[in-house]
Amino acid sequence: MVITIKDATFSGDILNEIEIAVQNERTTVKDLIAARVTSEVKSYNEKLPEYFKGLIQPSEAEKTLNGFKLRDRKKKIDIEKQILVALDAFQKNGYFILIDNQQVEDLDQEVLVSKTT
């Protein structure tokens, strides 16, 4: 199943929108974060564009208006490292996740997702 993830500001402005594949209808917040980061990093690593647009800033990258710019464009991003950074950031309130307008607060929290989630 494919779900849509939207990054938004507190005022509701959409900054980014991506679709990710989810294996099961019942999943955890941790698995959703991992699926999103994996999708973003795989997409970047396949194409190696000038900017990485993702949830978490890769190490050795600087933040720009167009996304994160890596110093060495030919260097691939480590998926596992990015997942760990993203999970840590969530636990430290670096970002919030709303699923069907309900905030989730725990990585192990199970959520039910559908095509309209």
N, C-alpha and C. Protein backbone atom coordinates (compact mmCIF):
# COMPACT_ATOMS: atom_id res chain seq x y z
N MET A 1 0.84 -1.16 0.00
CA MET A 1 0.00 0.00 0.00
C MET A 1 0.89 1.24 0.00
N VAL A 2 0.43 2.29 -0.64
CA VAL A 2 1.18 3.54 -0.71
C VAL A 2 0.43 4.61 0.08
N ILE A 3 1.18 5.32 0.93
CA ILE A 3 0.59 6.45 1.66
C ILE A 3 1.34 7.72 1.31
N THR A 4 0.69 8.85 1.52
CA THR A 4 1.29 10.15 1.23
C THR A 4 1.73 10.80 2.53
N ILE A 5 2.95 11.29 2.54
CA ILE A 5 3.48 12.03 3.68
C ILE A 5 3.66 13.48 3.26
N LYS A 6 3.16 14.39 4.09
CA LYS A 6 3.29 15.82 3.81
C LYS A 6 4.06 16.48 4.94
N ASP A 7 5.09 17.23 4.59
CA ASP A 7 5.81 18.04 5.57
C ASP A 7 5.14 19.41 5.54
N ALA A 8 4.75 19.88 6.71
CA ALA A 8 4.03 21.15 6.77
C ALA A 8 4.55 22.01 7.92
N THR A 9 4.37 23.30 7.77
CA THR A 9 4.69 24.24 8.84
C THR A 9 3.52 24.25 9.82
N PHE A 10 3.71 24.91 10.98
CA PHE A 10 2.62 25.02 11.94
C PHE A 10 1.43 25.76 11.38
N SER A 11 1.67 26.65 10.40
CA SER A 11 0.56 27.39 9.80
C SER A 11 -0.13 26.60 8.69
N GLY A 12 0.38 25.39 8.40
CA GLY A 12 -0.28 24.54 7.42
C GLY A 12 0.30 24.58 6.01
N ASP A 13 1.34 25.38 5.80
CA ASP A 13 1.97 25.43 4.48
C ASP A 13 2.69 24.12 4.21
N ILE A 14 2.43 23.51 3.05
CA ILE A 14 3.07 22.25 2.67
C ILE A 14 4.46 22.54 2.11
N LEU A 15 5.49 21.96 2.72
CA LEU A 15 6.87 22.15 2.29
C LEU A 15 7.34 21.05 1.36
N ASN A 16 6.82 19.85 1.57
CA ASN A 16 7.27 18.69 0.80
C ASN A 16 6.18 17.64 0.86
N GLU A 17 6.06 16.85 -0.19
CA GLU A 17 5.08 15.78 -0.21
C GLU A 17 5.69 14.58 -0.93
N ILE A 18 5.67 13.43 -0.26
CA ILE A 18 6.21 12.22 -0.88
C ILE A 18 5.26 11.05 -0.63
N GLU A 19 5.38 10.04 -1.45
CA GLU A 19 4.62 8.82 -1.26
C GLU A 19 5.59 7.71 -0.88
N ILE A 20 5.19 6.89 0.09
CA ILE A 20 6.04 5.76 0.49
C ILE A 20 5.20 4.49 0.52
N ALA A 21 5.87 3.39 0.31
CA ALA A 21 5.21 2.09 0.39
C ALA A 21 5.25 1.59 1.83
N VAL A 22 4.12 1.08 2.29
CA VAL A 22 4.01 0.53 3.64
C VAL A 22 3.60 -0.94 3.48
N GLN A 23 4.29 -1.81 4.19
CA GLN A 23 4.05 -3.24 4.05
C GLN A 23 2.72 -3.71 4.63
N ASN A 24 2.37 -3.19 5.80
CA ASN A 24 1.17 -3.66 6.50
C ASN A 24 0.27 -2.49 6.89
N GLU A 25 -1.02 -2.77 7.02
CA GLU A 25 -1.95 -1.73 7.48
C GLU A 25 -1.63 -1.32 8.91
N ARG A 26 -1.24 -2.29 9.72
CA ARG A 26 -0.86 -2.00 11.10
C ARG A 26 0.65 -1.95 11.16
N THR A 27 1.18 -0.81 11.57
CA THR A 27 2.62 -0.61 11.60
C THR A 27 2.97 0.27 12.80
N THR A 28 4.24 0.52 13.01
CA THR A 28 4.65 1.37 14.12
C THR A 28 5.17 2.71 13.57
N VAL A 29 5.22 3.67 14.43
CA VAL A 29 5.77 4.97 14.07
C VAL A 29 7.22 4.80 13.63
N LYS A 30 7.97 3.97 14.33
CA LYS A 30 9.36 3.70 13.98
C LYS A 30 9.48 3.17 12.56
N ASP A 31 8.62 2.24 12.19
CA ASP A 31 8.66 1.67 10.84
C ASP A 31 8.29 2.71 9.77
N LEU A 32 7.36 3.60 10.10
CA LEU A 32 6.99 4.66 9.15
C LEU A 32 8.16 5.61 8.91
N ILE A 33 8.84 6.00 9.98
CA ILE A 33 9.99 6.89 9.85
C ILE A 33 11.08 6.20 9.03
N ALA A 34 11.35 4.94 9.34
CA ALA A 34 12.38 4.19 8.61
C ALA A 34 12.02 4.06 7.13
N ALA A 35 10.75 3.81 6.83
CA ALA A 35 10.32 3.68 5.43
C ALA A 35 10.49 5.00 4.68
N ARG A 36 10.16 6.09 5.35
CA ARG A 36 10.30 7.40 4.70
C ARG A 36 11.76 7.72 4.42
N VAL A 37 12.61 7.57 5.44
CA VAL A 37 14.03 7.89 5.28
C VAL A 37 14.65 6.98 4.22
N THR A 38 14.31 5.71 4.24
CA THR A 38 14.84 4.76 3.25
C THR A 38 14.46 5.20 1.84
N SER A 39 13.21 5.58 1.65
CA SER A 39 12.75 6.03 0.34
C SER A 39 13.50 7.26 -0.14
N GLU A 40 13.66 8.24 0.75
CA GLU A 40 14.37 9.47 0.38
C GLU A 40 15.83 9.22 0.04
N VAL A 41 16.50 8.44 0.87
CA VAL A 41 17.92 8.20 0.67
C VAL A 41 18.16 7.35 -0.59
N LYS A 42 17.34 6.32 -0.78
CA LYS A 42 17.48 5.50 -1.99
C LYS A 42 17.32 6.35 -3.24
N SER A 43 16.32 7.22 -3.24
CA SER A 43 16.08 8.08 -4.38
C SER A 43 17.29 8.99 -4.64
N TYR A 44 17.84 9.56 -3.58
CA TYR A 44 19.01 10.42 -3.72
C TYR A 44 20.21 9.63 -4.23
N ASN A 45 20.47 8.47 -3.61
CA ASN A 45 21.65 7.67 -3.97
C ASN A 45 21.60 7.16 -5.40
N GLU A 46 20.40 6.93 -5.93
CA GLU A 46 20.28 6.46 -7.31
C GLU A 46 20.61 7.56 -8.32
N LYS A 47 20.24 8.80 -7.99
CA LYS A 47 20.39 9.91 -8.94
C LYS A 47 21.54 10.85 -8.62
N LEU A 48 21.92 10.93 -7.35
CA LEU A 48 22.95 11.86 -6.86
C LEU A 48 22.74 13.29 -7.39
N PRO A 49 21.55 13.86 -7.13
CA PRO A 49 21.30 15.24 -7.57
C PRO A 49 22.13 16.23 -6.74
N GLU A 50 22.06 17.49 -7.12
CA GLU A 50 22.84 18.52 -6.42
C GLU A 50 22.39 18.69 -4.96
N TYR A 51 21.08 18.53 -4.71
CA TYR A 51 20.53 18.74 -3.37
C TYR A 51 19.80 17.50 -2.88
N PHE A 52 19.92 17.24 -1.58
CA PHE A 52 19.15 16.18 -0.92
C PHE A 52 17.99 16.86 -0.23
N LYS A 53 16.79 16.42 -0.55
CA LYS A 53 15.59 16.95 0.09
C LYS A 53 15.00 15.82 0.93
N GLY A 54 15.20 15.93 2.23
CA GLY A 54 14.73 14.86 3.09
C GLY A 54 14.43 15.34 4.49
N LEU A 55 13.99 14.40 5.29
CA LEU A 55 13.58 14.69 6.66
C LEU A 55 14.75 15.16 7.52
N ILE A 56 15.90 14.52 7.35
CA ILE A 56 17.05 14.77 8.22
C ILE A 56 18.26 15.22 7.41
N GLN A 57 18.96 16.21 7.93
CA GLN A 57 20.17 16.72 7.27
C GLN A 57 21.29 15.70 7.39
N PRO A 58 21.83 15.25 6.27
CA PRO A 58 22.96 14.31 6.33
C PRO A 58 24.19 14.99 6.93
N SER A 59 25.04 14.19 7.57
CA SER A 59 26.29 14.77 8.05
C SER A 59 27.09 15.20 6.83
N GLU A 60 27.94 16.14 6.99
CA GLU A 60 28.75 16.69 5.91
C GLU A 60 27.90 17.38 4.83
N ALA A 61 26.77 17.93 5.24
CA ALA A 61 25.92 18.66 4.30
C ALA A 61 25.58 20.00 4.92
N GLU A 62 25.40 20.99 4.06
CA GLU A 62 24.98 22.29 4.56
C GLU A 62 23.55 22.56 4.10
N LYS A 63 22.80 23.23 4.96
CA LYS A 63 21.41 23.55 4.65
C LYS A 63 21.37 24.76 3.73
N THR A 64 20.61 24.64 2.65
CA THR A 64 20.42 25.75 1.71
C THR A 64 18.93 25.94 1.48
N LEU A 65 18.56 26.94 0.73
CA LEU A 65 17.15 27.16 0.41
C LEU A 65 16.58 26.02 -0.43
N ASN A 66 17.41 25.34 -1.20
CA ASN A 66 16.95 24.28 -2.09
C ASN A 66 17.02 22.88 -1.49
N GLY A 67 17.49 22.77 -0.26
CA GLY A 67 17.65 21.47 0.37
C GLY A 67 19.03 21.39 1.01
N PHE A 68 19.49 20.19 1.25
CA PHE A 68 20.81 19.99 1.85
C PHE A 68 21.81 19.70 0.74
N LYS A 69 22.92 20.45 0.75
CA LYS A 69 23.94 20.29 -0.27
C LYS A 69 25.14 19.57 0.34
N LEU A 70 25.44 18.39 -0.20
CA LEU A 70 26.57 17.62 0.28
C LEU A 70 27.86 18.17 -0.31
N ARG A 71 28.91 18.14 0.50
CA ARG A 71 30.21 18.64 0.02
C ARG A 71 30.73 17.79 -1.13
N ASP A 72 30.56 16.49 -1.02
CA ASP A 72 31.00 15.57 -2.07
C ASP A 72 29.75 14.96 -2.70
N ARG A 73 29.37 15.48 -3.87
CA ARG A 73 28.14 15.05 -4.52
C ARG A 73 28.14 13.60 -4.96
N LYS A 74 29.30 13.02 -5.12
CA LYS A 74 29.37 11.64 -5.57
C LYS A 74 29.27 10.64 -4.41
N LYS A 75 29.31 11.15 -3.19
CA LYS A 75 29.24 10.29 -2.02
C LYS A 75 27.79 9.94 -1.70
N LYS A 76 27.55 8.66 -1.53
CA LYS A 76 26.19 8.21 -1.21
C LYS A 76 25.92 8.38 0.28
N ILE A 77 24.66 8.55 0.61
CA ILE A 77 24.23 8.72 2.00
C ILE A 77 23.96 7.35 2.60
N ASP A 78 24.39 7.15 3.84
CA ASP A 78 24.19 5.89 4.55
C ASP A 78 22.76 5.83 5.08
N ILE A 79 21.97 4.88 4.58
CA ILE A 79 20.56 4.77 4.96
C ILE A 79 20.41 4.50 6.46
N GLU A 80 21.13 3.51 6.96
CA GLU A 80 20.99 3.13 8.37
C GLU A 80 21.33 4.29 9.31
N LYS A 81 22.38 5.02 9.00
CA LYS A 81 22.78 6.17 9.82
C LYS A 81 21.68 7.23 9.80
N GLN A 82 21.11 7.49 8.63
CA GLN A 82 20.05 8.49 8.51
C GLN A 82 18.81 8.08 9.30
N ILE A 83 18.50 6.78 9.28
CA ILE A 83 17.35 6.29 10.06
C ILE A 83 17.58 6.53 11.55
N LEU A 84 18.77 6.19 12.03
CA LEU A 84 19.08 6.39 13.45
C LEU A 84 18.99 7.86 13.85
N VAL A 85 19.49 8.74 12.99
CA VAL A 85 19.42 10.18 13.27
C VAL A 85 17.97 10.64 13.29
N ALA A 86 17.17 10.15 12.36
CA ALA A 86 15.75 10.54 12.28
C ALA A 86 14.98 10.05 13.50
N LEU A 87 15.24 8.83 13.94
CA LEU A 87 14.57 8.29 15.12
C LEU A 87 14.96 9.08 16.37
N ASP A 88 16.24 9.40 16.49
CA ASP A 88 16.72 10.19 17.62
C ASP A 88 16.09 11.58 17.62
N ALA A 89 16.00 12.20 16.46
CA ALA A 89 15.41 13.53 16.36
C ALA A 89 13.93 13.50 16.77
N PHE A 90 13.22 12.47 16.38
CA PHE A 90 11.81 12.34 16.77
C PHE A 90 11.68 12.26 18.28
N GLN A 91 12.53 11.45 18.91
CA GLN A 91 12.47 11.28 20.37
C GLN A 91 12.83 12.57 21.11
N LYS A 92 13.60 13.44 20.46
CA LYS A 92 14.00 14.71 21.08
C LYS A 92 13.12 15.87 20.61
N ASN A 93 11.96 15.56 20.04
CA ASN A 93 11.00 16.56 19.54
C ASN A 93 11.58 17.45 18.45
N GLY A 94 12.45 16.89 17.64
CA GLY A 94 13.01 17.63 16.51
C GLY A 94 11.97 17.85 15.42
N TYR A 95 10.97 17.02 15.41
CA TYR A 95 9.83 17.16 14.50
C TYR A 95 8.66 16.39 15.11
N PHE A 96 7.47 16.68 14.65
CA PHE A 96 6.26 16.03 15.14
C PHE A 96 5.61 15.27 14.00
N ILE A 97 4.89 14.22 14.35
CA ILE A 97 4.17 13.44 13.35
C ILE A 97 2.70 13.42 13.71
N LEU A 98 1.89 13.79 12.73
CA LEU A 98 0.44 13.68 12.85
C LEU A 98 -0.02 12.62 11.87
N ILE A 99 -0.80 11.68 12.35
CA ILE A 99 -1.39 10.67 11.49
C ILE A 99 -2.89 10.84 11.59
N ASP A 100 -3.49 11.18 10.46
CA ASP A 100 -4.93 11.49 10.42
C ASP A 100 -5.30 12.51 11.50
N ASN A 101 -4.49 13.57 11.56
CA ASN A 101 -4.68 14.71 12.47
C ASN A 101 -4.53 14.38 13.95
N GLN A 102 -3.93 13.23 14.28
CA GLN A 102 -3.65 12.86 15.66
C GLN A 102 -2.15 12.75 15.84
N GLN A 103 -1.61 13.45 16.84
CA GLN A 103 -0.17 13.40 17.07
C GLN A 103 0.23 12.06 17.69
N VAL A 104 1.29 11.47 17.14
CA VAL A 104 1.85 10.25 17.73
C VAL A 104 3.08 10.66 18.53
N GLU A 105 3.34 9.94 19.63
CA GLU A 105 4.39 10.39 20.53
C GLU A 105 5.43 9.33 20.86
N ASP A 106 5.22 8.10 20.42
CA ASP A 106 6.12 7.02 20.80
C ASP A 106 6.50 6.21 19.57
N LEU A 107 7.78 5.87 19.46
CA LEU A 107 8.26 5.11 18.30
C LEU A 107 7.58 3.74 18.19
N ASP A 108 7.24 3.14 19.32
CA ASP A 108 6.63 1.81 19.29
C ASP A 108 5.12 1.85 19.17
N GLN A 109 4.55 3.05 19.12
CA GLN A 109 3.10 3.17 18.99
C GLN A 109 2.63 2.56 17.68
N GLU A 110 1.65 1.66 17.77
CA GLU A 110 1.09 1.06 16.56
C GLU A 110 0.03 1.98 15.98
N VAL A 111 0.04 2.07 14.67
CA VAL A 111 -0.93 2.89 13.96
C VAL A 111 -1.54 2.06 12.83
N LEU A 112 -2.77 2.38 12.50
CA LEU A 112 -3.46 1.74 11.41
C LEU A 112 -3.45 2.71 10.24
N VAL A 113 -2.88 2.30 9.12
CA VAL A 113 -2.83 3.17 7.95
C VAL A 113 -3.64 2.58 6.81
N SER A 114 -4.16 3.47 5.99
CA SER A 114 -4.92 3.06 4.82
C SER A 114 -4.53 3.97 3.67
N LYS A 115 -5.11 3.78 2.52
CA LYS A 115 -4.79 4.61 1.36
C LYS A 115 -5.12 6.09 1.59
N THR A 116 -6.01 6.36 2.53
CA THR A 116 -6.39 7.74 2.80
C THR A 116 -5.63 8.36 3.98
N THR A 117 -4.72 7.59 4.59
CA THR A 117 -3.95 8.09 5.73
C THR A 117 -3.04 9.22 5.28
